[in-house]
N, C-alpha and C. Protein backbone atom coordinates (compact mmCIF):
# COMPACT_ATOMS: atom_id res chain seq x y z
N MET A 1 81.51 51.03 133.01
CA MET A 1 80.16 50.97 133.54
C MET A 1 79.24 51.69 132.55
N SER A 2 78.12 51.09 132.22
CA SER A 2 77.18 51.70 131.27
C SER A 2 76.49 52.90 131.91
N ILE A 3 75.99 53.78 131.08
CA ILE A 3 75.27 54.96 131.57
C ILE A 3 74.03 54.53 132.35
N HIS A 4 73.38 53.45 131.94
CA HIS A 4 72.20 52.96 132.67
C HIS A 4 72.58 52.49 134.07
N THR A 5 73.67 51.74 134.17
CA THR A 5 74.13 51.25 135.47
C THR A 5 74.53 52.41 136.35
N GLN A 6 75.26 53.35 135.79
CA GLN A 6 75.70 54.51 136.55
C GLN A 6 74.50 55.32 137.05
N PHE A 7 73.55 55.56 136.17
CA PHE A 7 72.36 56.32 136.55
C PHE A 7 71.56 55.57 137.60
N SER A 8 71.44 54.27 137.45
CA SER A 8 70.72 53.44 138.42
C SER A 8 71.37 53.55 139.80
N LEU A 9 72.66 53.41 139.85
CA LEU A 9 73.37 53.45 141.12
C LEU A 9 73.32 54.82 141.78
N LEU A 10 73.52 55.87 140.98
CA LEU A 10 73.62 57.21 141.54
C LEU A 10 72.28 57.90 141.79
N ARG A 11 71.27 57.58 141.02
CA ARG A 11 69.98 58.26 141.15
C ARG A 11 68.87 57.39 141.73
N LEU A 12 68.94 56.08 141.51
CA LEU A 12 67.82 55.22 141.90
C LEU A 12 68.21 54.15 142.92
N GLN A 13 69.31 54.36 143.60
CA GLN A 13 69.79 53.44 144.62
C GLN A 13 69.87 52.01 144.11
N GLY A 14 70.30 51.86 142.87
CA GLY A 14 70.52 50.55 142.28
C GLY A 14 69.31 49.90 141.64
N GLU A 15 68.16 50.55 141.72
CA GLU A 15 66.96 49.99 141.09
C GLU A 15 67.00 50.20 139.58
N PRO A 16 66.31 49.34 138.84
CA PRO A 16 66.31 49.50 137.38
C PRO A 16 65.64 50.81 136.95
N LEU A 17 66.10 51.35 135.85
CA LEU A 17 65.50 52.55 135.29
C LEU A 17 64.15 52.20 134.66
N PRO A 18 63.12 52.98 134.94
CA PRO A 18 61.87 52.80 134.20
C PRO A 18 62.13 52.97 132.70
N GLN A 19 61.31 52.37 131.88
CA GLN A 19 61.52 52.33 130.43
C GLN A 19 61.73 53.71 129.84
N ASP A 20 60.88 54.68 130.20
CA ASP A 20 61.02 56.02 129.62
C ASP A 20 62.33 56.68 130.01
N LEU A 21 62.73 56.52 131.26
CA LEU A 21 63.98 57.11 131.73
C LEU A 21 65.18 56.44 131.05
N ALA A 22 65.11 55.12 130.87
CA ALA A 22 66.19 54.40 130.19
C ALA A 22 66.40 54.93 128.78
N VAL A 23 65.31 55.24 128.09
CA VAL A 23 65.41 55.78 126.73
C VAL A 23 65.95 57.21 126.78
N LEU A 24 65.42 58.03 127.68
CA LEU A 24 65.83 59.44 127.74
C LEU A 24 67.29 59.60 128.14
N VAL A 25 67.80 58.71 128.98
CA VAL A 25 69.21 58.77 129.36
C VAL A 25 70.11 58.66 128.13
N LEU A 26 69.68 57.87 127.17
CA LEU A 26 70.47 57.70 125.94
C LEU A 26 70.37 58.91 125.02
N HIS A 27 69.40 59.78 125.27
CA HIS A 27 69.18 60.95 124.41
C HIS A 27 69.25 62.25 125.21
N GLN A 28 70.11 62.27 126.23
CA GLN A 28 70.22 63.42 127.13
C GLN A 28 70.48 64.74 126.42
N GLU A 29 71.43 64.74 125.50
CA GLU A 29 71.79 65.99 124.83
C GLU A 29 70.63 66.55 124.02
N GLU A 30 69.97 65.68 123.27
CA GLU A 30 68.83 66.16 122.48
C GLU A 30 67.67 66.57 123.39
N LEU A 31 67.46 65.84 124.48
CA LEU A 31 66.43 66.22 125.44
C LEU A 31 66.68 67.62 125.98
N GLN A 32 67.91 67.91 126.33
CA GLN A 32 68.24 69.24 126.85
C GLN A 32 68.06 70.30 125.76
N ARG A 33 68.49 69.99 124.56
CA ARG A 33 68.35 70.96 123.47
C ARG A 33 66.87 71.25 123.18
N ARG A 34 66.04 70.22 123.18
CA ARG A 34 64.63 70.39 122.85
C ARG A 34 63.81 71.02 123.98
N THR A 35 64.13 70.68 125.24
CA THR A 35 63.25 71.05 126.35
C THR A 35 63.90 71.87 127.45
N GLY A 36 65.23 71.93 127.45
CA GLY A 36 65.91 72.60 128.56
C GLY A 36 66.05 71.70 129.78
N VAL A 37 65.60 70.46 129.67
CA VAL A 37 65.68 69.50 130.77
C VAL A 37 67.03 68.79 130.70
N ARG A 38 67.68 68.70 131.85
CA ARG A 38 68.98 68.04 131.90
C ARG A 38 68.98 66.94 132.96
N MET A 39 69.88 66.02 132.76
CA MET A 39 70.11 64.92 133.69
C MET A 39 71.56 64.99 134.12
N SER A 40 71.86 64.37 135.23
CA SER A 40 73.25 64.32 135.65
C SER A 40 73.54 62.97 136.30
N ALA A 41 74.65 62.39 135.92
CA ALA A 41 75.12 61.17 136.55
C ALA A 41 76.31 61.49 137.47
N GLU A 42 76.45 62.76 137.80
CA GLU A 42 77.51 63.16 138.73
C GLU A 42 77.15 62.68 140.14
N PRO A 43 78.10 62.09 140.84
CA PRO A 43 77.81 61.54 142.17
C PRO A 43 77.24 62.56 143.17
N GLN A 44 77.71 63.78 143.14
CA GLN A 44 77.28 64.77 144.13
C GLN A 44 76.17 65.71 143.64
N TRP A 45 75.49 65.35 142.55
CA TRP A 45 74.46 66.22 141.98
C TRP A 45 73.28 66.34 142.93
N ALA A 46 73.12 67.50 143.52
CA ALA A 46 71.99 67.78 144.41
C ALA A 46 71.78 69.29 144.53
N PRO A 47 71.61 69.99 143.40
CA PRO A 47 71.48 71.45 143.46
C PRO A 47 70.23 71.92 144.21
N TRP A 48 69.25 71.06 144.38
CA TRP A 48 68.03 71.42 145.11
C TRP A 48 68.32 71.67 146.59
N LEU A 49 69.48 71.23 147.08
CA LEU A 49 69.83 71.44 148.48
C LEU A 49 70.70 72.67 148.70
N ASP A 50 71.03 73.38 147.64
CA ASP A 50 71.90 74.55 147.72
C ASP A 50 71.17 75.71 148.38
N THR A 51 71.72 76.19 149.46
CA THR A 51 71.14 77.35 150.15
C THR A 51 72.16 78.50 150.23
N SER A 52 73.16 78.45 149.38
CA SER A 52 74.22 79.46 149.43
C SER A 52 73.72 80.87 149.11
N TYR A 53 72.55 80.97 148.50
CA TYR A 53 71.99 82.28 148.16
C TYR A 53 71.43 83.00 149.39
N LEU A 54 71.26 82.29 150.49
CA LEU A 54 70.72 82.90 151.71
C LEU A 54 71.81 83.61 152.49
N THR A 55 71.42 84.71 153.12
CA THR A 55 72.36 85.41 154.00
C THR A 55 72.42 84.68 155.34
N GLU A 56 73.42 84.99 156.13
CA GLU A 56 73.54 84.38 157.46
C GLU A 56 72.33 84.72 158.31
N ALA A 57 71.84 85.95 158.20
CA ALA A 57 70.64 86.34 158.96
C ALA A 57 69.43 85.51 158.55
N GLU A 58 69.29 85.26 157.26
CA GLU A 58 68.17 84.44 156.79
C GLU A 58 68.31 83.00 157.29
N ARG A 59 69.52 82.48 157.27
CA ARG A 59 69.73 81.10 157.72
C ARG A 59 69.42 80.91 159.21
N THR A 60 69.58 81.97 159.98
CA THR A 60 69.32 81.85 161.42
C THR A 60 67.88 82.18 161.78
N ASP A 61 67.11 82.69 160.84
CA ASP A 61 65.68 82.93 161.07
C ASP A 61 65.01 81.58 161.33
N PRO A 62 64.29 81.42 162.44
CA PRO A 62 63.72 80.11 162.78
C PRO A 62 62.79 79.53 161.70
N GLU A 63 62.00 80.38 161.05
CA GLU A 63 61.08 79.87 160.02
C GLU A 63 61.85 79.40 158.79
N ILE A 64 62.83 80.18 158.37
CA ILE A 64 63.62 79.80 157.20
C ILE A 64 64.43 78.55 157.51
N ALA A 65 65.05 78.50 158.69
CA ALA A 65 65.84 77.34 159.07
C ALA A 65 64.96 76.08 159.13
N ALA A 66 63.76 76.20 159.68
CA ALA A 66 62.85 75.04 159.75
C ALA A 66 62.43 74.61 158.35
N ASN A 67 62.20 75.57 157.47
CA ASN A 67 61.80 75.26 156.10
C ASN A 67 62.94 74.55 155.35
N ILE A 68 64.15 75.04 155.48
CA ILE A 68 65.30 74.42 154.83
C ILE A 68 65.47 72.98 155.32
N ARG A 69 65.36 72.80 156.60
CA ARG A 69 65.51 71.46 157.18
C ARG A 69 64.40 70.53 156.70
N ALA A 70 63.16 71.03 156.65
CA ALA A 70 62.03 70.22 156.19
C ALA A 70 62.17 69.85 154.71
N ILE A 71 62.58 70.82 153.88
CA ILE A 71 62.78 70.53 152.45
C ILE A 71 63.85 69.46 152.29
N ALA A 72 64.96 69.60 152.99
CA ALA A 72 66.04 68.61 152.87
C ALA A 72 65.56 67.22 153.29
N GLU A 73 64.77 67.15 154.33
CA GLU A 73 64.26 65.85 154.79
C GLU A 73 63.31 65.23 153.77
N VAL A 74 62.41 66.02 153.22
CA VAL A 74 61.49 65.50 152.20
C VAL A 74 62.28 65.05 150.98
N CYS A 75 63.30 65.80 150.59
CA CYS A 75 64.12 65.44 149.43
C CYS A 75 64.81 64.09 149.62
N ARG A 76 65.05 63.68 150.85
CA ARG A 76 65.65 62.36 151.08
C ARG A 76 64.72 61.23 150.62
N HIS A 77 63.44 61.55 150.44
CA HIS A 77 62.45 60.55 150.03
C HIS A 77 62.10 60.65 148.55
N VAL A 78 62.88 61.43 147.82
CA VAL A 78 62.67 61.61 146.38
C VAL A 78 63.95 61.18 145.65
N ALA A 79 63.77 60.41 144.60
CA ALA A 79 64.90 60.06 143.73
C ALA A 79 64.85 61.03 142.55
N PHE A 80 65.54 62.17 142.68
CA PHE A 80 65.54 63.17 141.62
C PHE A 80 66.34 62.68 140.43
N VAL A 81 65.78 62.90 139.23
CA VAL A 81 66.47 62.42 138.02
C VAL A 81 66.64 63.48 136.94
N VAL A 82 65.82 64.53 136.94
CA VAL A 82 65.96 65.57 135.93
C VAL A 82 65.71 66.95 136.54
N ALA A 83 66.23 67.96 135.86
CA ALA A 83 66.03 69.35 136.25
C ALA A 83 65.73 70.15 135.00
N ASP A 84 64.88 71.15 135.12
CA ASP A 84 64.65 72.01 133.96
C ASP A 84 65.49 73.27 134.08
N ASP A 85 65.42 74.11 133.09
CA ASP A 85 66.27 75.30 133.07
C ASP A 85 65.70 76.44 133.91
N GLU A 86 64.61 76.19 134.63
CA GLU A 86 64.04 77.21 135.51
C GLU A 86 64.22 76.87 136.99
N GLY A 87 65.04 75.87 137.27
CA GLY A 87 65.32 75.51 138.66
C GLY A 87 64.28 74.61 139.29
N ASN A 88 63.57 73.84 138.49
CA ASN A 88 62.61 72.86 138.99
C ASN A 88 63.24 71.48 138.86
N TYR A 89 62.97 70.61 139.83
CA TYR A 89 63.56 69.28 139.86
C TYR A 89 62.44 68.25 139.89
N PHE A 90 62.65 67.14 139.17
CA PHE A 90 61.64 66.10 139.06
C PHE A 90 62.25 64.76 139.42
N GLY A 91 61.46 63.97 140.13
CA GLY A 91 61.94 62.65 140.52
C GLY A 91 60.80 61.78 140.98
N TYR A 92 61.17 60.65 141.54
CA TYR A 92 60.19 59.66 141.99
C TYR A 92 59.97 59.81 143.49
N TRP A 93 58.71 59.99 143.87
CA TRP A 93 58.35 60.12 145.28
C TRP A 93 58.29 58.73 145.89
N ARG A 94 59.32 58.40 146.62
CA ARG A 94 59.40 57.09 147.27
C ARG A 94 58.75 57.13 148.63
N GLY A 95 58.66 58.32 149.20
CA GLY A 95 58.04 58.48 150.51
C GLY A 95 58.84 57.85 151.63
N PRO A 96 58.37 58.03 152.86
CA PRO A 96 59.08 57.47 154.02
C PRO A 96 59.20 55.95 153.98
N SER A 97 58.28 55.28 153.29
CA SER A 97 58.35 53.81 153.20
C SER A 97 59.32 53.35 152.12
N LEU A 98 59.93 54.29 151.40
CA LEU A 98 60.89 53.99 150.33
C LEU A 98 60.32 53.00 149.32
N LYS A 99 59.19 53.36 148.75
CA LYS A 99 58.56 52.54 147.72
C LYS A 99 59.55 52.27 146.59
N PRO A 100 59.42 51.12 145.94
CA PRO A 100 60.25 50.88 144.76
C PRO A 100 59.96 51.93 143.69
N ILE A 101 60.96 52.24 142.90
CA ILE A 101 60.80 53.24 141.84
C ILE A 101 59.62 52.88 140.94
N ALA A 102 59.46 51.61 140.61
CA ALA A 102 58.39 51.16 139.71
C ALA A 102 57.00 51.46 140.27
N GLU A 103 56.88 51.67 141.58
CA GLU A 103 55.59 51.96 142.21
C GLU A 103 55.46 53.42 142.63
N SER A 104 56.46 54.22 142.35
CA SER A 104 56.50 55.61 142.81
C SER A 104 55.86 56.54 141.79
N VAL A 105 55.27 57.62 142.30
CA VAL A 105 54.72 58.66 141.43
C VAL A 105 55.78 59.74 141.22
N VAL A 106 55.59 60.55 140.20
CA VAL A 106 56.54 61.60 139.89
C VAL A 106 56.18 62.87 140.65
N VAL A 107 57.20 63.49 141.23
CA VAL A 107 57.02 64.69 142.04
C VAL A 107 57.94 65.79 141.50
N GLN A 108 57.51 67.02 141.73
CA GLN A 108 58.31 68.20 141.35
C GLN A 108 58.63 68.99 142.60
N LEU A 109 59.86 69.45 142.69
CA LEU A 109 60.26 70.46 143.66
C LEU A 109 60.53 71.70 142.83
N ASP A 110 59.71 72.74 143.02
CA ASP A 110 59.87 73.92 142.17
C ASP A 110 60.92 74.87 142.71
N SER A 111 61.20 75.88 141.96
CA SER A 111 62.27 76.83 142.28
C SER A 111 61.97 77.64 143.53
N GLU A 112 60.74 77.56 144.02
CA GLU A 112 60.35 78.27 145.25
C GLU A 112 60.36 77.35 146.47
N GLY A 113 60.76 76.08 146.27
CA GLY A 113 60.81 75.14 147.39
C GLY A 113 59.49 74.46 147.69
N GLN A 114 58.57 74.45 146.73
CA GLN A 114 57.27 73.82 146.92
C GLN A 114 57.24 72.47 146.20
N PHE A 115 56.67 71.48 146.86
CA PHE A 115 56.54 70.15 146.28
C PHE A 115 55.15 69.99 145.68
N SER A 116 55.07 69.25 144.57
CA SER A 116 53.77 68.91 144.00
C SER A 116 53.88 67.61 143.23
N LEU A 117 52.80 66.84 143.25
CA LEU A 117 52.73 65.63 142.45
C LEU A 117 52.47 66.06 141.02
N CYS A 118 53.13 65.44 140.07
CA CYS A 118 53.03 65.85 138.67
C CYS A 118 51.77 65.36 137.98
N GLY A 119 51.12 64.35 138.52
CA GLY A 119 49.90 63.86 137.89
C GLY A 119 50.15 63.01 136.66
N THR A 120 51.38 62.53 136.52
CA THR A 120 51.73 61.66 135.40
C THR A 120 52.38 60.40 135.96
N SER A 121 52.42 59.38 135.13
CA SER A 121 52.96 58.10 135.59
C SER A 121 54.44 57.93 135.33
N ASN A 122 55.06 58.89 134.65
CA ASN A 122 56.48 58.72 134.32
C ASN A 122 57.16 60.07 134.11
N ILE A 123 58.47 60.01 134.05
CA ILE A 123 59.26 61.23 133.88
C ILE A 123 58.98 61.89 132.53
N ALA A 124 58.84 61.10 131.48
CA ALA A 124 58.55 61.69 130.16
C ALA A 124 57.25 62.48 130.21
N GLY A 125 56.24 61.95 130.88
CA GLY A 125 54.97 62.67 131.02
C GLY A 125 55.13 63.95 131.82
N ALA A 126 55.96 63.91 132.87
CA ALA A 126 56.21 65.11 133.66
C ALA A 126 56.92 66.17 132.83
N ILE A 127 57.89 65.74 132.03
CA ILE A 127 58.60 66.69 131.17
C ILE A 127 57.61 67.34 130.21
N LEU A 128 56.76 66.54 129.61
CA LEU A 128 55.78 67.08 128.66
C LEU A 128 54.86 68.10 129.31
N THR A 129 54.27 67.74 130.44
CA THR A 129 53.24 68.60 131.04
C THR A 129 53.80 69.76 131.86
N GLN A 130 55.04 69.64 132.31
CA GLN A 130 55.59 70.68 133.17
C GLN A 130 56.64 71.56 132.48
N CYS A 131 57.27 71.06 131.42
CA CYS A 131 58.40 71.78 130.82
C CYS A 131 58.19 72.17 129.36
N CYS A 132 57.13 71.72 128.74
CA CYS A 132 56.90 72.00 127.32
C CYS A 132 55.69 72.91 127.18
N TYR A 133 55.93 74.09 126.69
CA TYR A 133 54.86 75.08 126.59
C TYR A 133 54.57 75.39 125.12
N GLY A 134 53.34 75.78 124.87
CA GLY A 134 52.96 76.16 123.51
C GLY A 134 53.14 75.01 122.55
N GLY A 135 53.72 75.29 121.41
CA GLY A 135 53.91 74.29 120.37
C GLY A 135 54.94 73.22 120.72
N THR A 136 55.75 73.44 121.75
CA THR A 136 56.77 72.45 122.07
C THR A 136 56.17 71.17 122.64
N PHE A 137 54.97 71.24 123.21
CA PHE A 137 54.33 70.03 123.74
C PHE A 137 54.15 69.01 122.62
N ASP A 138 53.47 69.41 121.55
CA ASP A 138 53.19 68.47 120.45
C ASP A 138 54.48 67.99 119.79
N GLU A 139 55.40 68.90 119.57
CA GLU A 139 56.67 68.54 118.94
C GLU A 139 57.45 67.55 119.81
N THR A 140 57.52 67.82 121.11
CA THR A 140 58.25 66.93 122.01
C THR A 140 57.53 65.60 122.17
N ARG A 141 56.21 65.64 122.22
CA ARG A 141 55.44 64.39 122.32
C ARG A 141 55.69 63.51 121.10
N GLN A 142 55.72 64.10 119.92
CA GLN A 142 55.99 63.34 118.71
C GLN A 142 57.40 62.74 118.74
N TRP A 143 58.36 63.49 119.22
CA TRP A 143 59.72 62.97 119.35
C TRP A 143 59.75 61.80 120.33
N PHE A 144 59.09 61.95 121.48
CA PHE A 144 59.02 60.85 122.45
C PHE A 144 58.39 59.60 121.82
N LEU A 145 57.32 59.79 121.05
CA LEU A 145 56.67 58.66 120.39
C LEU A 145 57.64 57.98 119.42
N ARG A 146 58.42 58.77 118.67
CA ARG A 146 59.40 58.20 117.75
C ARG A 146 60.48 57.41 118.50
N LEU A 147 60.76 57.80 119.74
CA LEU A 147 61.73 57.09 120.56
C LEU A 147 61.15 55.81 121.16
N GLY A 148 59.84 55.62 120.99
CA GLY A 148 59.20 54.41 121.52
C GLY A 148 58.52 54.61 122.86
N LEU A 149 58.40 55.84 123.32
CA LEU A 149 57.72 56.12 124.58
C LEU A 149 56.23 56.30 124.28
N THR A 150 55.40 55.47 124.90
CA THR A 150 53.99 55.49 124.54
C THR A 150 53.06 55.89 125.68
N ALA A 151 53.46 55.74 126.93
CA ALA A 151 52.59 56.09 128.06
C ALA A 151 52.73 57.58 128.34
N LEU A 152 52.15 58.38 127.42
CA LEU A 152 52.32 59.83 127.48
C LEU A 152 50.99 60.54 127.56
N PRO A 153 50.96 61.70 128.20
CA PRO A 153 49.75 62.52 128.16
C PRO A 153 49.43 62.90 126.72
N THR A 154 48.15 62.99 126.40
CA THR A 154 47.72 63.33 125.05
C THR A 154 47.76 64.84 124.82
N TYR A 155 47.53 65.60 125.86
CA TYR A 155 47.55 67.06 125.77
C TYR A 155 48.12 67.61 127.08
N PRO A 156 48.48 68.89 127.13
CA PRO A 156 49.20 69.44 128.29
C PRO A 156 48.50 69.28 129.64
N TYR A 157 47.19 69.22 129.67
CA TYR A 157 46.49 69.14 130.95
C TYR A 157 45.90 67.76 131.19
N ASP A 158 46.44 66.76 130.52
CA ASP A 158 46.01 65.37 130.65
C ASP A 158 46.70 64.77 131.87
N LEU A 159 46.25 65.19 133.04
CA LEU A 159 46.90 64.81 134.28
C LEU A 159 45.99 63.95 135.14
N GLY A 160 46.60 63.03 135.84
CA GLY A 160 45.86 62.21 136.79
C GLY A 160 45.93 62.83 138.17
N ASN A 161 45.37 62.15 139.12
CA ASN A 161 45.38 62.60 140.50
C ASN A 161 45.86 61.45 141.38
N PRO A 162 47.18 61.21 141.37
CA PRO A 162 47.68 60.07 142.13
C PRO A 162 47.41 60.23 143.63
N GLN A 163 47.05 59.13 144.25
CA GLN A 163 46.77 59.14 145.68
C GLN A 163 47.94 58.50 146.42
N VAL A 164 48.67 59.29 147.15
CA VAL A 164 49.77 58.79 147.96
C VAL A 164 49.66 59.39 149.35
N THR A 165 50.09 58.62 150.33
CA THR A 165 50.09 59.09 151.70
C THR A 165 51.42 58.73 152.33
N PRO A 166 52.10 59.70 152.88
CA PRO A 166 51.80 61.12 152.82
C PRO A 166 52.25 61.69 151.48
N THR A 167 51.66 62.81 151.12
CA THR A 167 52.15 63.53 149.95
C THR A 167 53.43 64.26 150.37
N PRO A 168 54.27 64.61 149.42
CA PRO A 168 55.46 65.38 149.80
C PRO A 168 55.09 66.71 150.45
N THR A 169 54.00 67.31 150.00
CA THR A 169 53.56 68.59 150.58
C THR A 169 53.14 68.41 152.03
N ALA A 170 52.37 67.37 152.31
CA ALA A 170 51.92 67.11 153.67
C ALA A 170 53.10 66.79 154.59
N LEU A 171 54.04 65.99 154.10
CA LEU A 171 55.20 65.66 154.92
C LEU A 171 56.04 66.91 155.17
N HIS A 172 56.20 67.74 154.16
CA HIS A 172 56.95 68.99 154.34
C HIS A 172 56.29 69.85 155.42
N GLN A 173 54.99 70.02 155.35
CA GLN A 173 54.28 70.84 156.33
C GLN A 173 54.43 70.27 157.74
N GLN A 174 54.28 68.97 157.88
CA GLN A 174 54.43 68.32 159.18
C GLN A 174 55.83 68.53 159.74
N LEU A 175 56.83 68.32 158.92
CA LEU A 175 58.21 68.50 159.37
C LEU A 175 58.52 69.95 159.67
N PHE A 176 58.05 70.85 158.82
CA PHE A 176 58.26 72.28 159.05
C PHE A 176 57.72 72.69 160.43
N GLU A 177 56.49 72.29 160.72
CA GLU A 177 55.89 72.65 162.01
C GLU A 177 56.67 72.06 163.17
N ALA A 178 57.11 70.81 163.03
CA ALA A 178 57.88 70.18 164.11
C ALA A 178 59.22 70.88 164.31
N TYR A 179 59.92 71.19 163.21
CA TYR A 179 61.21 71.85 163.33
C TYR A 179 61.07 73.28 163.84
N LEU A 180 60.03 73.95 163.45
CA LEU A 180 59.78 75.31 163.94
C LEU A 180 59.49 75.28 165.44
N HIS A 181 58.71 74.31 165.86
CA HIS A 181 58.39 74.17 167.28
C HIS A 181 59.67 73.90 168.08
N GLU A 182 60.57 73.05 167.55
CA GLU A 182 61.87 72.78 168.19
C GLU A 182 62.68 74.04 168.36
N ALA A 183 62.65 74.89 167.35
CA ALA A 183 63.48 76.10 167.33
C ALA A 183 62.99 77.17 168.29
N ARG A 184 61.74 77.09 168.67
CA ARG A 184 61.19 78.16 169.53
C ARG A 184 61.18 77.81 170.97
């Protein structure tokens, strides 16, 4: 099975890889070396759901339990494809309607459990604007261009404002409040 097929099946529920992701999958090692961003085609890859760092007391706290449950539910609507070395995860926001990957915007789940839209149209753009600091932005952008990736931000703050409903943040808040209400 090709790496593209494997990645499609395991990360995108069988949908085709967007052009930038298809190229980056072939250059995973160099991508990680240059940016600290990694990909995984492991079937059980879901480190964003790991709560083993919490104590039993924290897990039974109604607010923490509601937050964990809400994060996990929102993550079911994201096709995560890359992670950076700071514990941030990036993927396609499919939302509750399970939009096709080709129509999805890129979302980040940060190391604090907060969701945000990346303001870019593709994973390469998210990597550039979210994971490349200082001089690495220009260097990484030039490398991406050499790989044939052209739909890229021109500078680090070249971000759009995608309009999606619901946003991952809004859905998280709605679910958190509902789960907290259930717990009380």
